[in-house]
Amino acid sequence: MTMTEEQIAEIKAEMVPSKDAAIVRFQVQGQTLNICSGELQPKGINVMHQQVYWNFTKETAKKIAGWLGAKCVFSE
């Protein structure tokens, strides 16, 4: 569950300033996923301690989730 170097380059090119971005977590079976390392955080960990990403549009986040078999959880 990690991205290829090509995928990482692609999403880096799509990053936007935080003020224009969605706040997103990527989840796999209830665990938060680090999209670069593939590491899953423990299930049930407090949301304050979960890995979040700030510089993606919702469309980019959904693309990443599709590549990794994850679900996007957006914070508004």
N, C-alpha and C. Protein backbone atom coordinates (compact mmCIF):
# COMPACT_ATOMS: atom_id res chain seq x y z
N MET A 1 0.81 -1.19 0.00
CA MET A 1 0.00 0.00 0.00
C MET A 1 0.86 1.26 0.00
N THR A 2 1.78 1.34 -0.89
CA THR A 2 2.57 2.56 -1.03
C THR A 2 2.50 3.03 -2.48
N MET A 3 2.77 4.28 -2.66
CA MET A 3 2.75 4.84 -4.01
C MET A 3 4.09 4.65 -4.68
N THR A 4 4.06 4.60 -5.99
CA THR A 4 5.30 4.52 -6.76
C THR A 4 5.93 5.90 -6.82
N GLU A 5 7.18 5.97 -7.21
CA GLU A 5 7.86 7.26 -7.37
C GLU A 5 7.13 8.14 -8.39
N GLU A 6 6.61 7.52 -9.44
CA GLU A 6 5.87 8.26 -10.47
C GLU A 6 4.58 8.85 -9.90
N GLN A 7 3.88 8.07 -9.09
CA GLN A 7 2.65 8.56 -8.47
C GLN A 7 2.95 9.71 -7.51
N ILE A 8 4.01 9.57 -6.74
CA ILE A 8 4.40 10.64 -5.80
C ILE A 8 4.71 11.92 -6.57
N ALA A 9 5.45 11.81 -7.67
CA ALA A 9 5.76 12.99 -8.48
C ALA A 9 4.48 13.61 -9.03
N GLU A 10 3.54 12.78 -9.46
CA GLU A 10 2.28 13.27 -10.01
C GLU A 10 1.49 14.06 -8.97
N ILE A 11 1.37 13.52 -7.76
CA ILE A 11 0.57 14.24 -6.76
C ILE A 11 1.29 15.47 -6.23
N LYS A 12 2.62 15.44 -6.19
CA LYS A 12 3.35 16.64 -5.77
C LYS A 12 3.06 17.79 -6.73
N ALA A 13 2.94 17.48 -8.02
CA ALA A 13 2.63 18.50 -9.02
C ALA A 13 1.21 19.03 -8.86
N GLU A 14 0.34 18.28 -8.20
CA GLU A 14 -1.06 18.68 -8.02
C GLU A 14 -1.32 19.33 -6.67
N MET A 15 -0.30 19.46 -5.83
CA MET A 15 -0.50 20.05 -4.50
C MET A 15 -0.90 21.52 -4.63
N VAL A 16 -1.75 21.96 -3.70
CA VAL A 16 -2.25 23.33 -3.69
C VAL A 16 -1.97 23.95 -2.32
N PRO A 17 -2.02 25.28 -2.22
CA PRO A 17 -1.84 25.91 -0.91
C PRO A 17 -2.90 25.43 0.09
N SER A 18 -2.55 25.39 1.35
CA SER A 18 -3.46 24.88 2.38
C SER A 18 -4.82 25.57 2.36
N LYS A 19 -4.84 26.88 2.08
CA LYS A 19 -6.11 27.61 2.09
C LYS A 19 -7.08 27.12 1.01
N ASP A 20 -6.56 26.47 -0.03
CA ASP A 20 -7.39 25.96 -1.13
C ASP A 20 -7.60 24.45 -1.07
N ALA A 21 -7.09 23.82 -0.03
CA ALA A 21 -7.07 22.36 0.02
C ALA A 21 -8.11 21.80 0.98
N ALA A 22 -8.39 20.53 0.80
CA ALA A 22 -9.23 19.79 1.73
C ALA A 22 -8.30 19.19 2.80
N ILE A 23 -8.82 19.00 3.98
CA ILE A 23 -8.09 18.29 5.03
C ILE A 23 -8.56 16.85 4.94
N VAL A 24 -7.61 15.92 4.76
CA VAL A 24 -8.00 14.54 4.48
C VAL A 24 -7.14 13.54 5.24
N ARG A 25 -7.78 12.45 5.63
CA ARG A 25 -7.09 11.27 6.16
C ARG A 25 -7.43 10.14 5.22
N PHE A 26 -6.51 9.20 5.09
CA PHE A 26 -6.74 8.02 4.26
C PHE A 26 -6.89 6.83 5.19
N GLN A 27 -7.99 6.09 5.05
CA GLN A 27 -8.30 4.99 5.95
C GLN A 27 -8.39 3.66 5.20
N VAL A 28 -7.86 2.63 5.83
CA VAL A 28 -7.96 1.26 5.33
C VAL A 28 -8.47 0.40 6.49
N GLN A 29 -9.65 -0.14 6.34
CA GLN A 29 -10.28 -0.98 7.37
C GLN A 29 -10.22 -0.31 8.75
N GLY A 30 -10.54 0.98 8.79
CA GLY A 30 -10.61 1.71 10.05
C GLY A 30 -9.28 2.17 10.60
N GLN A 31 -8.21 1.98 9.86
CA GLN A 31 -6.89 2.43 10.30
C GLN A 31 -6.41 3.53 9.37
N THR A 32 -5.76 4.54 9.95
CA THR A 32 -5.25 5.65 9.15
C THR A 32 -3.93 5.25 8.49
N LEU A 33 -3.82 5.57 7.21
CA LEU A 33 -2.70 5.16 6.37
C LEU A 33 -1.74 6.32 6.13
N ASN A 34 -0.45 6.07 6.30
CA ASN A 34 0.59 7.01 5.85
C ASN A 34 0.81 6.69 4.38
N ILE A 35 0.48 7.63 3.50
CA ILE A 35 0.49 7.34 2.08
C ILE A 35 1.88 7.16 1.49
N CYS A 36 2.91 7.62 2.17
CA CYS A 36 4.27 7.45 1.65
C CYS A 36 4.92 6.17 2.13
N SER A 37 4.72 5.83 3.40
CA SER A 37 5.38 4.66 3.96
C SER A 37 4.52 3.40 3.91
N GLY A 38 3.20 3.59 3.79
CA GLY A 38 2.28 2.45 3.83
C GLY A 38 1.95 2.00 5.24
N GLU A 39 2.51 2.67 6.24
CA GLU A 39 2.28 2.31 7.63
C GLU A 39 0.84 2.63 8.03
N LEU A 40 0.22 1.71 8.75
CA LEU A 40 -1.12 1.91 9.28
C LEU A 40 -1.04 2.25 10.76
N GLN A 41 -1.76 3.27 11.17
CA GLN A 41 -1.82 3.62 12.59
C GLN A 41 -2.78 2.66 13.29
N PRO A 42 -2.63 2.51 14.59
CA PRO A 42 -3.51 1.59 15.31
C PRO A 42 -4.99 1.95 15.15
N LYS A 43 -5.81 0.94 15.06
CA LYS A 43 -7.26 1.14 14.97
C LYS A 43 -7.75 1.77 16.26
N GLY A 44 -8.63 2.76 16.14
CA GLY A 44 -9.23 3.38 17.31
C GLY A 44 -8.41 4.52 17.91
N ILE A 45 -7.27 4.85 17.28
CA ILE A 45 -6.44 5.93 17.80
C ILE A 45 -7.24 7.24 17.72
N ASN A 46 -7.05 8.11 18.70
CA ASN A 46 -7.76 9.39 18.74
C ASN A 46 -7.48 10.17 17.46
N VAL A 47 -8.51 10.80 16.91
CA VAL A 47 -8.38 11.54 15.66
C VAL A 47 -7.30 12.63 15.76
N MET A 48 -7.06 13.15 16.94
CA MET A 48 -6.02 14.18 17.12
C MET A 48 -4.63 13.65 16.79
N HIS A 49 -4.47 12.34 16.85
CA HIS A 49 -3.15 11.74 16.63
C HIS A 49 -3.03 11.06 15.26
N GLN A 50 -4.08 11.16 14.44
CA GLN A 50 -4.05 10.51 13.13
C GLN A 50 -3.36 11.39 12.09
N GLN A 51 -2.68 10.76 11.16
CA GLN A 51 -1.98 11.44 10.07
C GLN A 51 -3.01 12.14 9.18
N VAL A 52 -2.83 13.45 8.96
CA VAL A 52 -3.70 14.20 8.06
C VAL A 52 -2.86 14.87 6.98
N TYR A 53 -3.49 15.15 5.88
CA TYR A 53 -2.84 15.80 4.74
C TYR A 53 -3.63 17.06 4.40
N TRP A 54 -2.91 18.14 4.09
CA TRP A 54 -3.51 19.45 3.93
C TRP A 54 -3.43 20.03 2.53
N ASN A 55 -2.64 19.52 1.66
CA ASN A 55 -2.35 20.21 0.40
C ASN A 55 -2.92 19.53 -0.84
N PHE A 56 -3.98 18.76 -0.68
CA PHE A 56 -4.60 18.09 -1.82
C PHE A 56 -6.02 18.60 -2.01
N THR A 57 -6.44 18.70 -3.27
CA THR A 57 -7.85 18.93 -3.54
C THR A 57 -8.59 17.62 -3.27
N LYS A 58 -9.90 17.70 -3.21
CA LYS A 58 -10.69 16.47 -3.01
C LYS A 58 -10.49 15.51 -4.17
N GLU A 59 -10.35 16.04 -5.38
CA GLU A 59 -10.15 15.17 -6.55
C GLU A 59 -8.82 14.43 -6.46
N THR A 60 -7.76 15.14 -6.06
CA THR A 60 -6.45 14.49 -5.92
C THR A 60 -6.48 13.45 -4.81
N ALA A 61 -7.12 13.79 -3.70
CA ALA A 61 -7.23 12.85 -2.58
C ALA A 61 -7.95 11.57 -3.01
N LYS A 62 -9.01 11.72 -3.78
CA LYS A 62 -9.76 10.55 -4.25
C LYS A 62 -8.91 9.70 -5.19
N LYS A 63 -8.07 10.34 -6.00
CA LYS A 63 -7.17 9.60 -6.89
C LYS A 63 -6.16 8.78 -6.05
N ILE A 64 -5.59 9.41 -5.04
CA ILE A 64 -4.63 8.73 -4.16
C ILE A 64 -5.31 7.53 -3.49
N ALA A 65 -6.51 7.76 -2.96
CA ALA A 65 -7.23 6.69 -2.29
C ALA A 65 -7.48 5.52 -3.24
N GLY A 66 -7.81 5.81 -4.49
CA GLY A 66 -8.03 4.76 -5.48
C GLY A 66 -6.77 3.95 -5.73
N TRP A 67 -5.65 4.63 -5.84
CA TRP A 67 -4.38 3.92 -6.05
C TRP A 67 -4.05 2.99 -4.89
N LEU A 68 -4.38 3.42 -3.66
CA LEU A 68 -3.96 2.69 -2.47
C LEU A 68 -5.04 1.78 -1.88
N GLY A 69 -6.20 1.75 -2.49
CA GLY A 69 -7.29 0.94 -1.95
C GLY A 69 -7.77 1.46 -0.61
N ALA A 70 -7.74 2.78 -0.45
CA ALA A 70 -8.11 3.43 0.80
C ALA A 70 -9.39 4.23 0.62
N LYS A 71 -9.89 4.75 1.71
CA LYS A 71 -11.06 5.61 1.74
C LYS A 71 -10.61 6.99 2.20
N CYS A 72 -11.13 8.04 1.57
CA CYS A 72 -10.85 9.42 1.99
C CYS A 72 -11.82 9.79 3.11
N VAL A 73 -11.29 10.37 4.16
CA VAL A 73 -12.12 10.94 5.22
C VAL A 73 -11.76 12.41 5.29
N PHE A 74 -12.70 13.26 4.87
CA PHE A 74 -12.46 14.69 4.82
C PHE A 74 -12.93 15.37 6.09
N SER A 75 -12.17 16.35 6.57
CA SER A 75 -12.56 17.19 7.70
C SER A 75 -12.93 18.54 7.13
N GLU A 76 -14.05 19.05 7.54
CA GLU A 76 -14.50 20.35 7.02
C GLU A 76 -14.22 21.43 8.01
